[in-house]
Amino acid sequence: MGKILLDTSIIIDFLRRKDKVKTRLFSLSKSDYSLYISIITHTELYAGKSIWESQKAQEELEALFSGIDILPLETAISKKAGELKARFDLNLLDAIIAATAIIHNLPLATLNLKDFQKIKAVSLFKEES
């Protein structure tokens, strides 16, 4: 059983699409992988106005999080994220997510490959067909 760190884009895609069965998150949730997110992804998902305008949206998000482990921000992640931001001119939130993948040695599943592919230390998750 493998482990995967999910980028925010994977979860946003799932939440926005009507046909959830066709999403990457749905297929990953049906696999034998243990799913993880950074606390940054957790924060990003709660940062949208729509989540605070709908009790149903909040319940859907909580249900989704019940099957995903949330990794905290640690000193090692903070330091690595600073390095990644400086070296690769990344958005700070993406740098923290990338650093989380590196420090925890987890492949990163994302729909925004261009944001992370320049960082060789980040292993991008590719589903087997």
C-alpha atoms as a PDB file:
ATOM      1  CA  MET A   1       0.000   0.000   0.000  1.00  0.00           C
ATOM      2  CA  GLY A   2       1.500   3.294  -1.108  1.00  0.00           C
ATOM      3  CA  LYS A   3       1.089   6.795   0.175  1.00  0.00           C
ATOM      4  CA  ILE A   4       0.276   9.941  -1.815  1.00  0.00           C
ATOM      5  CA  LEU A   5       0.247  13.635  -0.985  1.00  0.00           C
ATOM      6  CA  LEU A   6      -2.662  15.384  -2.701  1.00  0.00           C
ATOM      7  CA  ASP A   7      -2.254  18.896  -4.042  1.00  0.00           C
ATOM      8  CA  THR A   8      -5.143  21.299  -3.513  1.00  0.00           C
ATOM      9  CA  SER A   9      -5.979  21.116  -7.240  1.00  0.00           C
ATOM     10  CA  ILE A  10      -6.997  17.450  -6.928  1.00  0.00           C
ATOM     11  CA  ILE A  11      -9.541  18.222  -4.213  1.00  0.00           C
ATOM     12  CA  ILE A  12     -10.880  21.399  -5.826  1.00  0.00           C
ATOM     13  CA  ASP A  13     -11.472  19.459  -9.053  1.00  0.00           C
ATOM     14  CA  PHE A  14     -13.436  16.839  -7.091  1.00  0.00           C
ATOM     15  CA  LEU A  15     -15.532  19.429  -5.267  1.00  0.00           C
ATOM     16  CA  ARG A  16     -16.381  21.390  -8.423  1.00  0.00           C
ATOM     17  CA  ARG A  17     -17.248  18.558 -10.780  1.00  0.00           C
ATOM     18  CA  LYS A  18     -20.730  17.105 -10.931  1.00  0.00           C
ATOM     19  CA  ASP A  19     -19.530  13.710 -12.172  1.00  0.00           C
ATOM     20  CA  LYS A  20     -17.231  12.876  -9.259  1.00  0.00           C
ATOM     21  CA  VAL A  21     -16.548   9.355 -10.582  1.00  0.00           C
ATOM     22  CA  LYS A  22     -14.432  10.878 -13.361  1.00  0.00           C
ATOM     23  CA  THR A  23     -12.143  12.782 -10.993  1.00  0.00           C
ATOM     24  CA  ARG A  24      -8.607  11.860 -10.017  1.00  0.00           C
ATOM     25  CA  LEU A  25      -9.509  11.991  -6.325  1.00  0.00           C
ATOM     26  CA  PHE A  26     -12.309   9.470  -6.822  1.00  0.00           C
ATOM     27  CA  SER A  27      -9.991   6.998  -8.557  1.00  0.00           C
ATOM     28  CA  LEU A  28      -7.283   7.476  -5.912  1.00  0.00           C
ATOM     29  CA  SER A  29      -9.805   6.994  -3.102  1.00  0.00           C
ATOM     30  CA  LYS A  30     -10.818   3.653  -4.608  1.00  0.00           C
ATOM     31  CA  SER A  31      -7.191   2.459  -4.735  1.00  0.00           C
ATOM     32  CA  ASP A  32      -5.019   1.000  -1.996  1.00  0.00           C
ATOM     33  CA  TYR A  33      -3.196   4.281  -1.449  1.00  0.00           C
ATOM     34  CA  SER A  34      -3.186   6.147   1.848  1.00  0.00           C
ATOM     35  CA  LEU A  35      -4.040   9.774   1.093  1.00  0.00           C
ATOM     36  CA  TYR A  36      -2.425  12.796   2.732  1.00  0.00           C
ATOM     37  CA  ILE A  37      -2.688  16.556   2.427  1.00  0.00           C
ATOM     38  CA  SER A  38      -0.628  19.388   3.823  1.00  0.00           C
ATOM     39  CA  ILE A  39      -2.231  21.621   6.436  1.00  0.00           C
ATOM     40  CA  ILE A  40      -1.783  24.290   3.734  1.00  0.00           C
ATOM     41  CA  THR A  41      -4.221  22.447   1.444  1.00  0.00           C
ATOM     42  CA  HIS A  42      -6.641  22.212   4.359  1.00  0.00           C
ATOM     43  CA  THR A  43      -6.355  25.983   4.850  1.00  0.00           C
ATOM     44  CA  GLU A  44      -6.712  26.739   1.125  1.00  0.00           C
ATOM     45  CA  LEU A  45      -9.943  24.745   0.980  1.00  0.00           C
ATOM     46  CA  TYR A  46     -11.393  26.686   3.880  1.00  0.00           C
ATOM     47  CA  ALA A  47     -10.296  30.002   2.357  1.00  0.00           C
ATOM     48  CA  GLY A  48     -13.036  30.107  -0.276  1.00  0.00           C
ATOM     49  CA  LYS A  49     -16.114  32.231   0.390  1.00  0.00           C
ATOM     50  CA  SER A  50     -18.465  29.520  -0.859  1.00  0.00           C
ATOM     51  CA  ILE A  51     -17.478  27.151   1.937  1.00  0.00           C
ATOM     52  CA  TRP A  52     -18.687  29.674   4.506  1.00  0.00           C
ATOM     53  CA  GLU A  53     -21.938  30.337   2.653  1.00  0.00           C
ATOM     54  CA  SER A  54     -23.158  26.748   2.678  1.00  0.00           C
ATOM     55  CA  GLN A  55     -23.521  24.287   5.525  1.00  0.00           C
ATOM     56  CA  LYS A  56     -23.726  21.530   2.912  1.00  0.00           C
ATOM     57  CA  ALA A  57     -20.343  22.555   1.451  1.00  0.00           C
ATOM     58  CA  GLN A  58     -18.775  22.483   4.914  1.00  0.00           C
ATOM     59  CA  GLU A  59     -20.216  19.023   5.587  1.00  0.00           C
ATOM     60  CA  GLU A  60     -18.957  17.743   2.228  1.00  0.00           C
ATOM     61  CA  LEU A  61     -15.470  19.035   3.001  1.00  0.00           C
ATOM     62  CA  GLU A  62     -15.479  17.503   6.491  1.00  0.00           C
ATOM     63  CA  ALA A  63     -16.612  14.154   5.056  1.00  0.00           C
ATOM     64  CA  LEU A  64     -13.820  14.335   2.495  1.00  0.00           C
ATOM     65  CA  PHE A  65     -11.219  15.085   5.178  1.00  0.00           C
ATOM     66  CA  SER A  66     -12.360  12.095   7.245  1.00  0.00           C
ATOM     67  CA  GLY A  67     -10.565   9.797   4.794  1.00  0.00           C
ATOM     68  CA  ILE A  68      -7.396  11.880   4.423  1.00  0.00           C
ATOM     69  CA  ASP A  69      -4.527  12.382   6.865  1.00  0.00           C
ATOM     70  CA  ILE A  70      -3.501  16.016   7.377  1.00  0.00           C
ATOM     71  CA  LEU A  71       0.226  16.660   7.763  1.00  0.00           C
ATOM     72  CA  PRO A  72       1.215  19.598   9.982  1.00  0.00           C
ATOM     73  CA  LEU A  73       3.648  22.359   9.149  1.00  0.00           C
ATOM     74  CA  GLU A  74       6.973  21.487  10.767  1.00  0.00           C
ATOM     75  CA  THR A  75      10.284  23.345  11.029  1.00  0.00           C
ATOM     76  CA  ALA A  76      11.942  21.085   8.425  1.00  0.00           C
ATOM     77  CA  ILE A  77       9.095  21.737   5.978  1.00  0.00           C
ATOM     78  CA  SER A  78       9.243  25.464   6.649  1.00  0.00           C
ATOM     79  CA  LYS A  79      12.981  25.589   5.958  1.00  0.00           C
ATOM     80  CA  LYS A  80      12.714  23.465   2.785  1.00  0.00           C
ATOM     81  CA  ALA A  81       9.782  25.567   1.547  1.00  0.00           C
ATOM     82  CA  GLY A  82      11.837  28.728   1.967  1.00  0.00           C
ATOM     83  CA  GLU A  83      14.624  27.175  -0.075  1.00  0.00           C
ATOM     84  CA  LEU A  84      12.221  26.025  -2.816  1.00  0.00           C
ATOM     85  CA  LYS A  85      10.558  29.434  -3.024  1.00  0.00           C
ATOM     86  CA  ALA A  86      13.923  31.164  -3.331  1.00  0.00           C
ATOM     87  CA  ARG A  87      15.446  28.683  -5.818  1.00  0.00           C
ATOM     88  CA  PHE A  88      12.443  28.070  -8.051  1.00  0.00           C
ATOM     89  CA  ASP A  89      10.463  31.303  -7.651  1.00  0.00           C
ATOM     90  CA  LEU A  90       7.425  29.347  -6.483  1.00  0.00           C
ATOM     91  CA  ASN A  91       4.273  30.686  -4.915  1.00  0.00           C
ATOM     92  CA  LEU A  92       4.780  30.233  -1.150  1.00  0.00           C
ATOM     93  CA  LEU A  93       1.819  27.867  -0.707  1.00  0.00           C
ATOM     94  CA  ASP A  94       3.048  25.614  -3.538  1.00  0.00           C
ATOM     95  CA  ALA A  95       6.537  25.695  -2.004  1.00  0.00           C
ATOM     96  CA  ILE A  96       5.119  24.463   1.321  1.00  0.00           C
ATOM     97  CA  ILE A  97       3.179  21.668  -0.394  1.00  0.00           C
ATOM     98  CA  ALA A  98       6.268  20.647  -2.396  1.00  0.00           C
ATOM     99  CA  ALA A  99       8.402  20.736   0.760  1.00  0.00           C
ATOM    100  CA  THR A 100       5.840  18.553   2.547  1.00  0.00           C
ATOM    101  CA  ALA A 101       6.130  15.979  -0.257  1.00  0.00           C
ATOM    102  CA  ILE A 102       9.933  16.064  -0.061  1.00  0.00           C
ATOM    103  CA  ILE A 103      10.257  15.917   3.741  1.00  0.00           C
ATOM    104  CA  HIS A 104       7.702  13.100   4.055  1.00  0.00           C
ATOM    105  CA  ASN A 105       9.042  11.322   0.956  1.00  0.00           C
ATOM    106  CA  LEU A 106       5.595  11.215  -0.656  1.00  0.00           C
ATOM    107  CA  PRO A 107       4.765  11.371  -4.345  1.00  0.00           C
ATOM    108  CA  LEU A 108       2.620  14.409  -5.148  1.00  0.00           C
ATOM    109  CA  ALA A 109      -0.632  14.039  -7.078  1.00  0.00           C
ATOM    110  CA  THR A 110      -1.496  17.334  -8.767  1.00  0.00           C
ATOM    111  CA  LEU A 111      -3.391  18.705 -11.741  1.00  0.00           C
ATOM    112  CA  ASN A 112      -0.888  21.590 -11.936  1.00  0.00           C
ATOM    113  CA  LEU A 113       2.174  19.753 -13.180  1.00  0.00           C
ATOM    114  CA  LYS A 114       3.859  22.947 -14.411  1.00  0.00           C
ATOM    115  CA  ASP A 115       3.952  24.295 -10.848  1.00  0.00           C
ATOM    116  CA  PHE A 116       5.993  21.358  -9.553  1.00  0.00           C
ATOM    117  CA  GLN A 117       7.816  19.598 -12.404  1.00  0.00           C
ATOM    118  CA  LYS A 118      10.832  21.924 -12.258  1.00  0.00           C
ATOM    119  CA  ILE A 119      11.606  20.639  -8.746  1.00  0.00           C
ATOM    120  CA  LYS A 120      13.511  17.401  -9.296  1.00  0.00           C
ATOM    121  CA  ALA A 121      13.259  16.440  -5.595  1.00  0.00           C
ATOM    122  CA  VAL A 122       9.456  16.235  -5.902  1.00  0.00           C
ATOM    123  CA  SER A 123       8.260  12.898  -7.214  1.00  0.00           C
ATOM    124  CA  LEU A 124       5.086  13.539  -9.210  1.00  0.00           C
ATOM    125  CA  PHE A 125       2.537  10.737  -8.881  1.00  0.00           C
ATOM    126  CA  LYS A 126       1.533   9.035 -12.096  1.00  0.00           C
ATOM    127  CA  GLU A 127      -1.288   6.525 -12.011  1.00  0.00           C
ATOM    128  CA  GLU A 128      -0.612   3.155 -13.578  1.00  0.00           C
ATOM    129  CA  SER A 129      -2.983   2.439 -16.433  1.00  0.00           C
END
